[in-house]
């Protein structure tokens, strides 16, 4: 069966859902001409999938070349989180602050109480 990911009709992320590459498992000797970037990195390191050597090859990839770093770049782009370089920590981004401020203003207008 076909699986649909994400919400491509959402305003903020319209059309941004990328198809997930097929997962490759140990013993997969499929033609490497059509490898996804992660599989290519593991093959280039001559490592077997799902081994410490494969993890090391993936950890050596530059930022932006893995799904998690791509997600982080997207979250940064939409100001959903920010990185404090001095402490190497992650905090809510300016969009989160803006939304919380709007929520407080709306609560004052409507007289609703904070549910927390």
Foldseek 3Di string as FASTA:
>chain_A
DDDDDDDLVDPVNNPVDDDDDDDDAFPDPPDPPPDQLLVVQCVVQVHTPPDPSSVVSVVPDDQPRDPVSVVVVVCVVVQQWDADVVVRDIDGGPVVVVVVVVVVVVCVVVVPDDPD
